[in-house]
Amino acid sequence: METITDESPVGKALIGHRAGEEVTVTVPNGSTVQYRILEISL
């Protein structure tokens, strides 16, 4: 499992979404990456 902070571009894009959702994120190099949120834990 990987930790993503709320300060990273990916973390900022995922805020407000829930497990099971898919989110498209524009990363710093300008390309887009699609993520499926599997689990959220503290």
Protein backbone atom coordinates (compact mmCIF):
# COMPACT_ATOMS: atom_id res chain seq x y z
CA MET A 1 0.00 0.00 0.00
CA GLU A 2 1.24 3.47 -0.81
CA THR A 3 0.73 6.61 1.26
CA ILE A 4 -0.30 9.78 -0.55
CA THR A 5 -0.23 13.07 1.35
CA ASP A 6 -2.84 15.80 0.96
CA GLU A 7 -0.08 18.17 -0.12
CA SER A 8 0.88 16.26 -3.28
CA PRO A 9 -0.86 16.93 -6.63
CA VAL A 10 -2.40 13.46 -6.56
CA GLY A 11 -3.50 13.84 -2.94
CA LYS A 12 -5.11 17.20 -3.63
CA ALA A 13 -7.06 15.73 -6.55
CA LEU A 14 -8.33 12.81 -4.45
CA ILE A 15 -9.67 14.92 -1.57
CA GLY A 16 -13.43 14.65 -1.34
CA HIS A 17 -13.67 11.34 -3.19
CA ARG A 18 -14.63 7.98 -1.70
CA ALA A 19 -13.45 4.39 -1.98
CA GLY A 20 -14.71 2.84 -5.21
CA GLU A 21 -14.56 6.08 -7.21
CA GLU A 22 -12.30 6.68 -10.20
CA VAL A 23 -10.50 10.01 -10.42
CA THR A 24 -8.52 11.45 -13.33
CA VAL A 25 -5.51 13.49 -12.18
CA THR A 26 -3.30 15.84 -14.18
CA VAL A 27 0.25 15.26 -12.95
CA PRO A 28 3.08 17.84 -12.99
CA ASN A 29 4.43 16.76 -16.39
CA GLY A 30 1.02 17.57 -17.94
CA SER A 31 -0.16 14.02 -18.59
CA THR A 32 -3.25 12.52 -16.99
CA VAL A 33 -3.46 9.42 -14.85
CA GLN A 34 -6.61 7.63 -13.78
CA TYR A 35 -6.84 6.20 -10.26
CA ARG A 36 -9.42 3.93 -8.66
CA ILE A 37 -9.64 4.48 -4.90
CA LEU A 38 -9.55 1.06 -3.27
CA GLU A 39 -9.30 2.02 0.38
CA ILE A 40 -8.98 5.07 2.58
CA SER A 41 -7.35 4.78 5.99
CA LEU A 42 -5.84 7.07 8.56
